[in-house]
C-alpha cells in the first residue's frame, strides 16, 4: 500500500526482453535501479548490475540470483565517477554476454542547498555523479555497441526537475537538464550505427527505506503536487524503462519521457 493512496496492481512480465543482455548502474537496493534489474529479469533479460556500494550490491545480486538463477545475474562494484571502474564494468559485460544489448544509466546524486550558499564541492559532486557519470557510461556503451555492429538501446535516468524550477536544487536540476541534452545529442550520433538512446524523467518515486527517512510534512507537500495524490512505486518507472528498452519503442530516439503525474 502506497502511503499516499492505493498502490497499483503489479504488472507481470511478458518476455519483452527475452535473450537480451543488459547492464544497469546504481542497481543495489530498493530504488529505480533495483526495480529495473528485477523488471528486466522478469522480461527475460540477463543483467549485470553495478553500484558504488559494494555490500548492498552483493546482497542485491544474491537475492536476484536466488530468484531468477545465478546464470542470469552478475554484479561488479562501479563508481561512475571513476573512468577505470566504468571501463572495467563494461568490459565485464562484454566478456559475460558477448555483446551489449541494453544499458540503463541510473546513477545519480541529489542534495539540497540554496545556490547562494552552495560550495564548489557540492556543485561538482552532484554534476560528476549525475551528468558526468552518465556521459562516461553512455560513451562506453556507444563504443561497445558501435564495435559489435548489432545495435542496442541506452536508457538514461533524468528527472522532471530538469524542466521545472525548485529552490535548493540548482545543481541537481542542471545535471538532469544536462542528461536530457546529452541524450538528444548522443542519440543523433548513435543512430548512425543502429543504437537508440532515450531517457525517462520521473517526478516522485519512493521506496519503503526512503519513506522512513522522509518527514511526513515533506511527503505531504510532495504528494500534493501529484495528480494521483501518491508517489510512484519504483517499478512503475522501471516499466517505462522496459518499454524504451524493448522493440515497442523501435522508432523512438533522443526523447525524454516524463514518468510523472504532477499538475502542469
C-alpha atoms as a PDB file:
ATOM      1  CA  UNK A   1       0.000   0.000   0.000  1.00  0.00           C
ATOM      2  CA  UNK A   2       1.423   3.340  -1.044  1.00  0.00           C
ATOM      3  CA  UNK A   3       1.284   5.797   1.870  1.00  0.00           C
ATOM      4  CA  UNK A   4      -0.456   8.344  -0.336  1.00  0.00           C
ATOM      5  CA  UNK A   5      -3.073   6.152  -1.965  1.00  0.00           C
ATOM      6  CA  UNK A   6      -3.738   2.689  -3.243  1.00  0.00           C
ATOM      7  CA  UNK A   7      -0.776   1.036  -4.936  1.00  0.00           C
ATOM      8  CA  UNK A   8      -1.485  -0.094  -8.497  1.00  0.00           C
ATOM      9  CA  UNK A   9      -1.509  -3.765  -9.410  1.00  0.00           C
ATOM     10  CA  UNK A  10       1.936  -5.102 -10.249  1.00  0.00           C
ATOM     11  CA  UNK A  11       2.268  -5.894 -13.950  1.00  0.00           C
ATOM     12  CA  UNK A  12       3.506  -9.375 -14.835  1.00  0.00           C
ATOM     13  CA  UNK A  13       6.365  -9.885 -17.283  1.00  0.00           C
ATOM     14  CA  UNK A  14       5.620 -10.600 -20.943  1.00  0.00           C
ATOM     15  CA  UNK A  15       9.024 -11.703 -22.234  1.00  0.00           C
ATOM     16  CA  UNK A  16       9.688  -8.351 -23.886  1.00  0.00           C
ATOM     17  CA  UNK A  17      13.465  -8.624 -23.367  1.00  0.00           C
ATOM     18  CA  UNK A  18      13.962 -12.368 -23.793  1.00  0.00           C
ATOM     19  CA  UNK A  19      17.517 -13.238 -24.748  1.00  0.00           C
ATOM     20  CA  UNK A  20      18.827  -9.686 -24.317  1.00  0.00           C
ATOM     21  CA  UNK A  21      21.818  -8.731 -22.182  1.00  0.00           C
ATOM     22  CA  UNK A  22      21.674  -5.624 -20.015  1.00  0.00           C
ATOM     23  CA  UNK A  23      23.823  -3.539 -17.709  1.00  0.00           C
ATOM     24  CA  UNK A  24      22.279  -1.279 -15.068  1.00  0.00           C
ATOM     25  CA  UNK A  25      24.146   1.219 -12.902  1.00  0.00           C
ATOM     26  CA  UNK A  26      23.204   2.138  -9.320  1.00  0.00           C
ATOM     27  CA  UNK A  27      21.123  -1.045  -9.127  1.00  0.00           C
ATOM     28  CA  UNK A  28      21.632  -2.025  -5.485  1.00  0.00           C
ATOM     29  CA  UNK A  29      18.753  -1.655  -3.062  1.00  0.00           C
ATOM     30  CA  UNK A  30      15.084  -0.845  -3.494  1.00  0.00           C
ATOM     31  CA  UNK A  31      15.182   2.191  -5.781  1.00  0.00           C
ATOM     32  CA  UNK A  32      14.621   2.613  -9.512  1.00  0.00           C
ATOM     33  CA  UNK A  33      17.829   0.783 -10.447  1.00  0.00           C
ATOM     34  CA  UNK A  34      16.967  -2.248  -8.354  1.00  0.00           C
ATOM     35  CA  UNK A  35      13.393  -2.258  -9.657  1.00  0.00           C
ATOM     36  CA  UNK A  36      14.698  -2.058 -13.226  1.00  0.00           C
ATOM     37  CA  UNK A  37      17.006  -5.025 -12.706  1.00  0.00           C
ATOM     38  CA  UNK A  38      14.080  -7.077 -11.419  1.00  0.00           C
ATOM     39  CA  UNK A  39      11.781  -5.984 -14.241  1.00  0.00           C
ATOM     40  CA  UNK A  40      14.424  -6.807 -16.859  1.00  0.00           C
ATOM     41  CA  UNK A  41      14.850 -10.276 -15.377  1.00  0.00           C
ATOM     42  CA  UNK A  42      11.081 -10.763 -15.333  1.00  0.00           C
ATOM     43  CA  UNK A  43      11.049  -9.795 -19.010  1.00  0.00           C
ATOM     44  CA  UNK A  44      13.680 -12.428 -19.841  1.00  0.00           C
ATOM     45  CA  UNK A  45      16.952 -10.468 -19.908  1.00  0.00           C
ATOM     46  CA  UNK A  46      20.304 -11.317 -18.338  1.00  0.00           C
ATOM     47  CA  UNK A  47      21.682  -8.484 -16.216  1.00  0.00           C
ATOM     48  CA  UNK A  48      24.970  -7.146 -14.941  1.00  0.00           C
ATOM     49  CA  UNK A  49      24.333  -4.703 -12.128  1.00  0.00           C
ATOM     50  CA  UNK A  50      26.722  -2.129 -10.743  1.00  0.00           C
ATOM     51  CA  UNK A  51      26.747   0.223  -7.790  1.00  0.00           C
ATOM     52  CA  UNK A  52      29.250   2.208  -5.740  1.00  0.00           C
ATOM     53  CA  UNK A  53      28.027   0.423  -2.568  1.00  0.00           C
ATOM     54  CA  UNK A  54      29.741  -2.961  -2.792  1.00  0.00           C
ATOM     55  CA  UNK A  55      27.996  -4.657   0.150  1.00  0.00           C
ATOM     56  CA  UNK A  56      24.489  -3.664  -0.901  1.00  0.00           C
ATOM     57  CA  UNK A  57      25.323  -4.613  -4.481  1.00  0.00           C
ATOM     58  CA  UNK A  58      26.382  -8.123  -3.474  1.00  0.00           C
ATOM     59  CA  UNK A  59      23.230  -8.537  -1.400  1.00  0.00           C
ATOM     60  CA  UNK A  60      21.113  -7.458  -4.368  1.00  0.00           C
ATOM     61  CA  UNK A  61      22.919  -9.864  -6.702  1.00  0.00           C
ATOM     62  CA  UNK A  62      22.447 -12.780  -4.310  1.00  0.00           C
ATOM     63  CA  UNK A  63      18.752 -12.055  -3.825  1.00  0.00           C
ATOM     64  CA  UNK A  64      18.075 -11.774  -7.563  1.00  0.00           C
ATOM     65  CA  UNK A  65      20.191 -14.842  -8.367  1.00  0.00           C
ATOM     66  CA  UNK A  66      18.281 -16.903  -5.810  1.00  0.00           C
ATOM     67  CA  UNK A  67      15.027 -15.958  -7.516  1.00  0.00           C
ATOM     68  CA  UNK A  68      15.990 -15.920 -11.211  1.00  0.00           C
ATOM     69  CA  UNK A  69      19.103 -18.110 -11.367  1.00  0.00           C
ATOM     70  CA  UNK A  70      22.805 -17.441 -10.931  1.00  0.00           C
ATOM     71  CA  UNK A  71      23.318 -17.586 -14.703  1.00  0.00           C
ATOM     72  CA  UNK A  72      21.006 -14.609 -15.147  1.00  0.00           C
ATOM     73  CA  UNK A  73      22.625 -12.145 -12.736  1.00  0.00           C
ATOM     74  CA  UNK A  74      26.138 -10.821 -12.155  1.00  0.00           C
ATOM     75  CA  UNK A  75      27.498  -7.750 -10.416  1.00  0.00           C
ATOM     76  CA  UNK A  76      30.602  -5.598 -10.203  1.00  0.00           C
ATOM     77  CA  UNK A  77      31.118  -2.542  -7.993  1.00  0.00           C
ATOM     78  CA  UNK A  78      31.237   0.547 -10.183  1.00  0.00           C
ATOM     79  CA  UNK A  79      31.676   4.170  -9.179  1.00  0.00           C
ATOM     80  CA  UNK A  80      30.627   6.127 -12.259  1.00  0.00           C
ATOM     81  CA  UNK A  81      32.965   8.995 -11.314  1.00  0.00           C
ATOM     82  CA  UNK A  82      35.947   6.654 -11.882  1.00  0.00           C
ATOM     83  CA  UNK A  83      36.738   6.028 -15.560  1.00  0.00           C
ATOM     84  CA  UNK A  84      38.768   2.889 -14.788  1.00  0.00           C
ATOM     85  CA  UNK A  85      35.835   1.343 -12.927  1.00  0.00           C
ATOM     86  CA  UNK A  86      33.439   2.257 -15.737  1.00  0.00           C
ATOM     87  CA  UNK A  87      35.756   0.657 -18.316  1.00  0.00           C
ATOM     88  CA  UNK A  88      36.066  -2.496 -16.206  1.00  0.00           C
ATOM     89  CA  UNK A  89      32.299  -2.681 -15.762  1.00  0.00           C
ATOM     90  CA  UNK A  90      31.562  -2.555 -19.481  1.00  0.00           C
ATOM     91  CA  UNK A  91      34.445  -4.891 -20.296  1.00  0.00           C
ATOM     92  CA  UNK A  92      32.951  -7.466 -17.923  1.00  0.00           C
ATOM     93  CA  UNK A  93      29.566  -7.103 -19.600  1.00  0.00           C
ATOM     94  CA  UNK A  94      31.123  -7.926 -22.965  1.00  0.00           C
ATOM     95  CA  UNK A  95      33.009 -10.912 -21.540  1.00  0.00           C
ATOM     96  CA  UNK A  96      29.908 -12.285 -19.855  1.00  0.00           C
ATOM     97  CA  UNK A  97      27.399 -11.691 -22.623  1.00  0.00           C
ATOM     98  CA  UNK A  98      29.427 -11.455 -25.806  1.00  0.00           C
ATOM     99  CA  UNK A  99      27.512  -8.365 -26.872  1.00  0.00           C
ATOM    100  CA  UNK A 100      25.918  -5.419 -25.142  1.00  0.00           C
ATOM    101  CA  UNK A 101      22.215  -5.060 -25.947  1.00  0.00           C
ATOM    102  CA  UNK A 102      20.754  -2.790 -23.266  1.00  0.00           C
ATOM    103  CA  UNK A 103      22.238  -0.172 -20.938  1.00  0.00           C
ATOM    104  CA  UNK A 104      20.407   1.735 -18.204  1.00  0.00           C
ATOM    105  CA  UNK A 105      22.306   4.698 -16.772  1.00  0.00           C
ATOM    106  CA  UNK A 106      20.583   5.134 -13.443  1.00  0.00           C
ATOM    107  CA  UNK A 107      23.365   6.526 -11.238  1.00  0.00           C
ATOM    108  CA  UNK A 108      22.641   9.953  -9.803  1.00  0.00           C
ATOM    109  CA  UNK A 109      23.220  12.033  -6.703  1.00  0.00           C
ATOM    110  CA  UNK A 110      20.956  14.644  -5.174  1.00  0.00           C
ATOM    111  CA  UNK A 111      21.207  17.144  -2.359  1.00  0.00           C
ATOM    112  CA  UNK A 112      19.638  20.363  -1.157  1.00  0.00           C
ATOM    113  CA  UNK A 113      21.427  23.701  -0.952  1.00  0.00           C
ATOM    114  CA  UNK A 114      20.458  27.191  -1.991  1.00  0.00           C
ATOM    115  CA  UNK A 115      22.762  28.450  -4.717  1.00  0.00           C
ATOM    116  CA  UNK A 116      23.897  31.462  -2.684  1.00  0.00           C
ATOM    117  CA  UNK A 117      25.247  29.093  -0.012  1.00  0.00           C
ATOM    118  CA  UNK A 118      26.345  26.224  -2.265  1.00  0.00           C
ATOM    119  CA  UNK A 119      30.024  25.274  -2.273  1.00  0.00           C
ATOM    120  CA  UNK A 120      32.026  24.319  -5.331  1.00  0.00           C
ATOM    121  CA  UNK A 121      32.353  20.809  -3.901  1.00  0.00           C
ATOM    122  CA  UNK A 122      28.573  20.422  -3.511  1.00  0.00           C
ATOM    123  CA  UNK A 123      28.011  21.574  -7.087  1.00  0.00           C
ATOM    124  CA  UNK A 124      30.816  19.476  -8.563  1.00  0.00           C
ATOM    125  CA  UNK A 125      29.940  16.275  -6.713  1.00  0.00           C
ATOM    126  CA  UNK A 126      26.335  16.252  -7.954  1.00  0.00           C
ATOM    127  CA  UNK A 127      27.399  17.106 -11.514  1.00  0.00           C
ATOM    128  CA  UNK A 128      30.154  14.486 -11.532  1.00  0.00           C
ATOM    129  CA  UNK A 129      27.911  11.602 -10.481  1.00  0.00           C
ATOM    130  CA  UNK A 130      24.699  12.604 -12.235  1.00  0.00           C
ATOM    131  CA  UNK A 131      25.859  14.157 -15.511  1.00  0.00           C
ATOM    132  CA  UNK A 132      29.498  13.180 -15.971  1.00  0.00           C
ATOM    133  CA  UNK A 133      28.768   9.634 -14.811  1.00  0.00           C
ATOM    134  CA  UNK A 134      26.000   9.331 -17.390  1.00  0.00           C
ATOM    135  CA  UNK A 135      28.398  10.679 -20.017  1.00  0.00           C
ATOM    136  CA  UNK A 136      31.113   8.155 -19.113  1.00  0.00           C
ATOM    137  CA  UNK A 137      28.724   5.205 -19.230  1.00  0.00           C
ATOM    138  CA  UNK A 138      26.964   6.384 -22.408  1.00  0.00           C
ATOM    139  CA  UNK A 139      30.320   6.778 -24.108  1.00  0.00           C
ATOM    140  CA  UNK A 140      31.446   3.292 -23.024  1.00  0.00           C
ATOM    141  CA  UNK A 141      28.156   1.776 -24.179  1.00  0.00           C
ATOM    142  CA  UNK A 142      28.253   3.560 -27.542  1.00  0.00           C
ATOM    143  CA  UNK A 143      31.815   2.402 -28.185  1.00  0.00           C
ATOM    144  CA  UNK A 144      30.930  -1.212 -27.403  1.00  0.00           C
ATOM    145  CA  UNK A 145      27.739  -1.128 -29.465  1.00  0.00           C
ATOM    146  CA  UNK A 146      29.424   0.523 -32.442  1.00  0.00           C
ATOM    147  CA  UNK A 147      32.174  -2.110 -32.395  1.00  0.00           C
ATOM    148  CA  UNK A 148      29.700  -5.005 -32.216  1.00  0.00           C
ATOM    149  CA  UNK A 149      27.639  -3.734 -35.144  1.00  0.00           C
ATOM    150  CA  UNK A 150      24.493  -5.330 -33.694  1.00  0.00           C
ATOM    151  CA  UNK A 151      22.711  -2.195 -32.481  1.00  0.00           C
ATOM    152  CA  UNK A 152      21.467  -1.659 -28.946  1.00  0.00           C
ATOM    153  CA  UNK A 153      19.484   0.576 -26.631  1.00  0.00           C
ATOM    154  CA  UNK A 154      20.585   3.025 -23.943  1.00  0.00           C
ATOM    155  CA  UNK A 155      18.137   4.498 -21.422  1.00  0.00           C
ATOM    156  CA  UNK A 156      19.219   7.371 -19.179  1.00  0.00           C
ATOM    157  CA  UNK A 157      17.527   8.399 -15.952  1.00  0.00           C
ATOM    158  CA  UNK A 158      16.761  12.125 -15.988  1.00  0.00           C
ATOM    159  CA  UNK A 159      14.141  13.925 -13.857  1.00  0.00           C
ATOM    160  CA  UNK A 160      11.253  16.341 -14.289  1.00  0.00           C
ATOM    161  CA  UNK A 161      13.391  18.783 -12.321  1.00  0.00           C
ATOM    162  CA  UNK A 162      15.428  19.125 -15.492  1.00  0.00           C
ATOM    163  CA  UNK A 163      12.418  21.047 -16.822  1.00  0.00           C
ATOM    164  CA  UNK A 164      10.946  22.586 -13.668  1.00  0.00           C
ATOM    165  CA  UNK A 165      12.440  25.004 -11.157  1.00  0.00           C
ATOM    166  CA  UNK A 166      12.758  24.128  -7.473  1.00  0.00           C
ATOM    167  CA  UNK A 167      14.609  26.007  -4.770  1.00  0.00           C
ATOM    168  CA  UNK A 168      17.682  24.306  -3.361  1.00  0.00           C
ATOM    169  CA  UNK A 169      18.061  22.097  -6.433  1.00  0.00           C
ATOM    170  CA  UNK A 170      20.154  24.159  -8.861  1.00  0.00           C
ATOM    171  CA  UNK A 171      22.954  21.573  -9.046  1.00  0.00           C
ATOM    172  CA  UNK A 172      20.624  18.600  -9.469  1.00  0.00           C
ATOM    173  CA  UNK A 173      18.381  20.421 -11.951  1.00  0.00           C
ATOM    174  CA  UNK A 174      21.381  21.491 -14.021  1.00  0.00           C
ATOM    175  CA  UNK A 175      22.706  17.928 -14.016  1.00  0.00           C
ATOM    176  CA  UNK A 176      19.398  16.380 -15.063  1.00  0.00           C
ATOM    177  CA  UNK A 177      18.820  19.000 -17.767  1.00  0.00           C
ATOM    178  CA  UNK A 178      22.293  18.083 -18.961  1.00  0.00           C
ATOM    179  CA  UNK A 179      21.328  14.397 -19.068  1.00  0.00           C
ATOM    180  CA  UNK A 180      18.385  15.300 -21.318  1.00  0.00           C
ATOM    181  CA  UNK A 181      20.611  17.323 -23.668  1.00  0.00           C
ATOM    182  CA  UNK A 182      23.255  14.579 -23.667  1.00  0.00           C
ATOM    183  CA  UNK A 183      20.547  12.054 -24.568  1.00  0.00           C
ATOM    184  CA  UNK A 184      19.360  14.117 -27.544  1.00  0.00           C
ATOM    185  CA  UNK A 185      22.825  14.734 -28.964  1.00  0.00           C
ATOM    186  CA  UNK A 186      24.142  11.209 -28.371  1.00  0.00           C
ATOM    187  CA  UNK A 187      21.034   9.747 -29.986  1.00  0.00           C
ATOM    188  CA  UNK A 188      21.770  11.510 -33.277  1.00  0.00           C
ATOM    189  CA  UNK A 189      25.313  10.173 -33.309  1.00  0.00           C
ATOM    190  CA  UNK A 190      24.309   6.660 -32.246  1.00  0.00           C
ATOM    191  CA  UNK A 191      21.603   6.388 -34.903  1.00  0.00           C
ATOM    192  CA  UNK A 192      24.393   6.062 -37.476  1.00  0.00           C
ATOM    193  CA  UNK A 193      25.241   2.627 -36.076  1.00  0.00           C
ATOM    194  CA  UNK A 194      21.749   1.461 -35.158  1.00  0.00           C
ATOM    195  CA  UNK A 195      21.645   2.404 -31.475  1.00  0.00           C
ATOM    196  CA  UNK A 196      18.681   4.136 -29.830  1.00  0.00           C
ATOM    197  CA  UNK A 197      19.120   6.425 -26.801  1.00  0.00           C
ATOM    198  CA  UNK A 198      16.207   7.767 -24.762  1.00  0.00           C
ATOM    199  CA  UNK A 199      15.602   8.934 -21.195  1.00  0.00           C
ATOM    200  CA  UNK A 200      12.961   8.781 -18.502  1.00  0.00           C
ATOM    201  CA  UNK A 201      12.127  11.761 -16.297  1.00  0.00           C
ATOM    202  CA  UNK A 202      10.438  10.652 -13.048  1.00  0.00           C
ATOM    203  CA  UNK A 203       8.851  13.130 -10.678  1.00  0.00           C
ATOM    204  CA  UNK A 204       8.389  11.449  -7.296  1.00  0.00           C
ATOM    205  CA  UNK A 205       9.355   7.786  -6.888  1.00  0.00           C
ATOM    206  CA  UNK A 206       9.716   6.430  -3.355  1.00  0.00           C
ATOM    207  CA  UNK A 207      10.525   3.105  -1.725  1.00  0.00           C
ATOM    208  CA  UNK A 208       9.995   1.988   1.900  1.00  0.00           C
ATOM    209  CA  UNK A 209      13.518   2.840   3.102  1.00  0.00           C
ATOM    210  CA  UNK A 210      13.297   6.317   1.608  1.00  0.00           C
ATOM    211  CA  UNK A 211       9.855   6.877   3.101  1.00  0.00           C
ATOM    212  CA  UNK A 212      11.239   6.090   6.563  1.00  0.00           C
ATOM    213  CA  UNK A 213      13.827   8.871   6.358  1.00  0.00           C
ATOM    214  CA  UNK A 214      11.487  11.443   4.791  1.00  0.00           C
ATOM    215  CA  UNK A 215       9.425  13.637   7.074  1.00  0.00           C
ATOM    216  CA  UNK A 216       5.647  13.359   6.992  1.00  0.00           C
ATOM    217  CA  UNK A 217       5.490  17.084   6.282  1.00  0.00           C
ATOM    218  CA  UNK A 218       7.712  16.806   3.209  1.00  0.00           C
ATOM    219  CA  UNK A 219       5.878  13.724   1.911  1.00  0.00           C
ATOM    220  CA  UNK A 220       2.584  15.566   2.211  1.00  0.00           C
ATOM    221  CA  UNK A 221       3.977  18.555   0.328  1.00  0.00           C
ATOM    222  CA  UNK A 222       5.473  16.440  -2.453  1.00  0.00           C
ATOM    223  CA  UNK A 223       2.495  14.165  -2.985  1.00  0.00           C
ATOM    224  CA  UNK A 224       0.147  17.166  -3.052  1.00  0.00           C
ATOM    225  CA  UNK A 225       1.764  18.096  -6.355  1.00  0.00           C
ATOM    226  CA  UNK A 226       0.881  14.731  -7.879  1.00  0.00           C
ATOM    227  CA  UNK A 227      -2.452  14.324  -9.651  1.00  0.00           C
ATOM    228  CA  UNK A 228      -2.899  10.807  -8.245  1.00  0.00           C
ATOM    229  CA  UNK A 229      -2.204  12.025  -4.706  1.00  0.00           C
ATOM    230  CA  UNK A 230       0.582   9.486  -4.249  1.00  0.00           C
ATOM    231  CA  UNK A 231       4.211   8.899  -5.169  1.00  0.00           C
ATOM    232  CA  UNK A 232       5.247   6.436  -7.863  1.00  0.00           C
ATOM    233  CA  UNK A 233       6.460   2.975  -6.966  1.00  0.00           C
ATOM    234  CA  UNK A 234       9.992   2.429  -8.387  1.00  0.00           C
ATOM    235  CA  UNK A 235       8.703  -0.411 -10.555  1.00  0.00           C
ATOM    236  CA  UNK A 236       6.296   1.996 -12.277  1.00  0.00           C
ATOM    237  CA  UNK A 237       9.301   3.941 -13.542  1.00  0.00           C
ATOM    238  CA  UNK A 238      11.032   0.657 -14.399  1.00  0.00           C
ATOM    239  CA  UNK A 239       8.034  -0.299 -16.555  1.00  0.00           C
ATOM    240  CA  UNK A 240       8.643   2.723 -18.766  1.00  0.00           C
ATOM    241  CA  UNK A 241      12.342   1.855 -18.947  1.00  0.00           C
ATOM    242  CA  UNK A 242      11.336  -1.636 -20.110  1.00  0.00           C
ATOM    243  CA  UNK A 243       9.178  -0.056 -22.816  1.00  0.00           C
ATOM    244  CA  UNK A 244      12.076   2.106 -24.023  1.00  0.00           C
ATOM    245  CA  UNK A 245      14.425  -0.894 -23.971  1.00  0.00           C
ATOM    246  CA  UNK A 246      12.006  -3.081 -25.910  1.00  0.00           C
ATOM    247  CA  UNK A 247      11.014  -3.298 -29.548  1.00  0.00           C
ATOM    248  CA  UNK A 248       7.780  -1.473 -28.746  1.00  0.00           C
ATOM    249  CA  UNK A 249       9.715   1.817 -28.908  1.00  0.00           C
ATOM    250  CA  UNK A 250      11.662   0.976 -32.075  1.00  0.00           C
ATOM    251  CA  UNK A 251      11.083   4.370 -33.711  1.00  0.00           C
ATOM    252  CA  UNK A 252      11.933   6.461 -30.650  1.00  0.00           C
ATOM    253  CA  UNK A 253      15.335   8.007 -30.070  1.00  0.00           C
ATOM    254  CA  UNK A 254      16.540  11.229 -28.466  1.00  0.00           C
ATOM    255  CA  UNK A 255      13.347  11.500 -26.426  1.00  0.00           C
ATOM    256  CA  UNK A 256      12.823  12.127 -22.725  1.00  0.00           C
ATOM    257  CA  UNK A 257       9.629  10.518 -21.431  1.00  0.00           C
ATOM    258  CA  UNK A 258       8.061  12.075 -18.359  1.00  0.00           C
ATOM    259  CA  UNK A 259       7.041   9.471 -15.761  1.00  0.00           C
ATOM    260  CA  UNK A 260       5.030  11.864 -13.706  1.00  0.00           C
ATOM    261  CA  UNK A 261       1.551  12.706 -12.505  1.00  0.00           C
ATOM    262  CA  UNK A 262       2.477  16.231 -11.471  1.00  0.00           C
ATOM    263  CA  UNK A 263      -0.015  19.001 -12.097  1.00  0.00           C
ATOM    264  CA  UNK A 264       1.023  21.219 -15.002  1.00  0.00           C
END
